[in-house]
Amino acid sequence: MDNKPMIKYGVDELTISINKNDRKTEDWHSDYNGKLVINGETFYANVYQKNENWIAGKLVKADATKVQNKTLNNSTELNDEIPF
């Protein structure tokens, strides 16, 4: 069996994660949202289905402090203690 570590798309270097925007309520909202990492920097993607054969979008650089805090929070969320 192969012992390669699992790829964390949108977290690991040179990976991307794109998902259908299930919160879209207005025509101008993006059809898909995503996250990608290039040279250790995280970018958010807003992607639009322009026609049957064309998808286009733009990237916005993520605030590094928010991305770092979210990663730290996600890693400490698992707590076996009962909160009461």
C-alpha atoms as a PDB file:
ATOM      1  CA  MET A   1       0.000   0.000   0.000  1.00  0.00           C
ATOM      2  CA  ASP A   2       1.171   3.535  -0.799  1.00  0.00           C
ATOM      3  CA  ASN A   3       2.070   5.623   2.279  1.00  0.00           C
ATOM      4  CA  LYS A   4       1.726   9.039   0.622  1.00  0.00           C
ATOM      5  CA  PRO A   5       0.126  11.687   2.819  1.00  0.00           C
ATOM      6  CA  MET A   6      -3.363  12.753   1.775  1.00  0.00           C
ATOM      7  CA  ILE A   7      -3.492  15.960  -0.240  1.00  0.00           C
ATOM      8  CA  LYS A   8      -5.358  18.816   1.435  1.00  0.00           C
ATOM      9  CA  TYR A   9      -6.746  20.698  -1.556  1.00  0.00           C
ATOM     10  CA  GLY A  10      -6.837  24.442  -1.005  1.00  0.00           C
ATOM     11  CA  VAL A  11      -4.459  24.073   1.950  1.00  0.00           C
ATOM     12  CA  ASP A  12      -1.340  22.359   0.561  1.00  0.00           C
ATOM     13  CA  GLU A  13       1.042  24.196  -1.765  1.00  0.00           C
ATOM     14  CA  LEU A  14      -0.109  24.452  -5.424  1.00  0.00           C
ATOM     15  CA  THR A  15      -3.543  22.956  -4.777  1.00  0.00           C
ATOM     16  CA  ILE A  16      -7.017  24.303  -5.448  1.00  0.00           C
ATOM     17  CA  SER A  17     -10.475  23.533  -4.147  1.00  0.00           C
ATOM     18  CA  ILE A  18     -13.573  24.734  -6.056  1.00  0.00           C
ATOM     19  CA  ASN A  19     -17.140  24.219  -4.838  1.00  0.00           C
ATOM     20  CA  LYS A  20     -20.568  25.153  -6.165  1.00  0.00           C
ATOM     21  CA  ASN A  21     -21.862  28.292  -4.441  1.00  0.00           C
ATOM     22  CA  ASP A  22     -24.926  27.003  -2.603  1.00  0.00           C
ATOM     23  CA  ARG A  23     -25.489  30.439  -0.999  1.00  0.00           C
ATOM     24  CA  LYS A  24     -26.037  32.258  -4.290  1.00  0.00           C
ATOM     25  CA  THR A  25     -29.114  34.499  -3.969  1.00  0.00           C
ATOM     26  CA  GLU A  26     -28.377  37.206  -6.575  1.00  0.00           C
ATOM     27  CA  ASP A  27     -27.416  36.941 -10.259  1.00  0.00           C
ATOM     28  CA  TRP A  28     -24.126  38.748  -9.627  1.00  0.00           C
ATOM     29  CA  HIS A  29     -23.001  36.212  -6.978  1.00  0.00           C
ATOM     30  CA  SER A  30     -20.366  33.758  -8.183  1.00  0.00           C
ATOM     31  CA  ASP A  31     -21.474  30.315  -9.380  1.00  0.00           C
ATOM     32  CA  TYR A  32     -18.474  28.647  -7.713  1.00  0.00           C
ATOM     33  CA  ASN A  33     -16.125  29.608  -4.871  1.00  0.00           C
ATOM     34  CA  GLY A  34     -12.699  28.277  -4.147  1.00  0.00           C
ATOM     35  CA  LYS A  35      -9.394  28.535  -2.399  1.00  0.00           C
ATOM     36  CA  LEU A  36      -5.877  27.960  -3.698  1.00  0.00           C
ATOM     37  CA  VAL A  37      -2.352  28.196  -2.329  1.00  0.00           C
ATOM     38  CA  ILE A  38       0.598  29.552  -4.325  1.00  0.00           C
ATOM     39  CA  ASN A  39       4.041  30.177  -2.773  1.00  0.00           C
ATOM     40  CA  GLY A  40       2.543  29.773   0.691  1.00  0.00           C
ATOM     41  CA  GLU A  41      -0.072  32.469   0.096  1.00  0.00           C
ATOM     42  CA  THR A  42      -3.796  31.709   0.098  1.00  0.00           C
ATOM     43  CA  PHE A  43      -6.113  33.148  -2.542  1.00  0.00           C
ATOM     44  CA  TYR A  44      -9.895  33.014  -2.781  1.00  0.00           C
ATOM     45  CA  ALA A  45     -11.506  32.385  -6.183  1.00  0.00           C
ATOM     46  CA  ASN A  46     -14.861  33.675  -7.401  1.00  0.00           C
ATOM     47  CA  VAL A  47     -15.759  31.718 -10.524  1.00  0.00           C
ATOM     48  CA  TYR A  48     -18.612  32.341 -12.966  1.00  0.00           C
ATOM     49  CA  GLN A  49     -20.177  30.020 -15.557  1.00  0.00           C
ATOM     50  CA  LYS A  50     -20.194  32.377 -18.574  1.00  0.00           C
ATOM     51  CA  ASN A  51     -21.659  29.890 -21.049  1.00  0.00           C
ATOM     52  CA  GLU A  52     -21.703  26.163 -21.703  1.00  0.00           C
ATOM     53  CA  ASN A  53     -17.996  26.009 -22.569  1.00  0.00           C
ATOM     54  CA  TRP A  54     -16.487  28.937 -20.672  1.00  0.00           C
ATOM     55  CA  ILE A  55     -15.807  29.481 -16.979  1.00  0.00           C
ATOM     56  CA  ALA A  56     -14.036  32.648 -15.825  1.00  0.00           C
ATOM     57  CA  GLY A  57     -13.226  34.268 -12.528  1.00  0.00           C
ATOM     58  CA  LYS A  58     -10.903  36.281 -10.377  1.00  0.00           C
ATOM     59  CA  LEU A  59      -8.567  35.666  -7.464  1.00  0.00           C
ATOM     60  CA  VAL A  60      -8.408  37.736  -4.293  1.00  0.00           C
ATOM     61  CA  LYS A  61      -5.477  37.446  -1.905  1.00  0.00           C
ATOM     62  CA  ALA A  62      -6.655  36.248   1.521  1.00  0.00           C
ATOM     63  CA  ASP A  63      -5.789  38.133   4.679  1.00  0.00           C
ATOM     64  CA  ALA A  64      -2.905  36.067   6.086  1.00  0.00           C
ATOM     65  CA  THR A  65      -3.897  36.661   9.721  1.00  0.00           C
ATOM     66  CA  LYS A  66      -7.433  35.368   9.147  1.00  0.00           C
ATOM     67  CA  VAL A  67      -6.219  32.289   7.258  1.00  0.00           C
ATOM     68  CA  GLN A  68      -3.639  31.485   9.954  1.00  0.00           C
ATOM     69  CA  ASN A  69      -6.193  31.934  12.774  1.00  0.00           C
ATOM     70  CA  LYS A  70      -8.724  29.722  10.997  1.00  0.00           C
ATOM     71  CA  THR A  71      -6.118  26.969  10.556  1.00  0.00           C
ATOM     72  CA  LEU A  72      -5.192  27.188  14.232  1.00  0.00           C
ATOM     73  CA  ASN A  73      -8.850  27.091  15.288  1.00  0.00           C
ATOM     74  CA  ASN A  74      -9.572  24.078  13.092  1.00  0.00           C
ATOM     75  CA  SER A  75      -6.663  22.143  14.560  1.00  0.00           C
ATOM     76  CA  THR A  76      -7.788  22.782  18.155  1.00  0.00           C
ATOM     77  CA  GLU A  77     -11.517  22.184  17.632  1.00  0.00           C
ATOM     78  CA  LEU A  78     -11.339  18.523  18.621  1.00  0.00           C
ATOM     79  CA  ASN A  79     -11.701  18.459  22.362  1.00  0.00           C
ATOM     80  CA  ASP A  80     -12.748  15.306  24.204  1.00  0.00           C
ATOM     81  CA  GLU A  81     -13.973  17.215  27.247  1.00  0.00           C
ATOM     82  CA  ILE A  82     -17.695  17.774  27.728  1.00  0.00           C
ATOM     83  CA  PRO A  83     -18.362  21.545  27.652  1.00  0.00           C
ATOM     84  CA  PHE A  84     -20.627  21.571  30.773  1.00  0.00           C
END
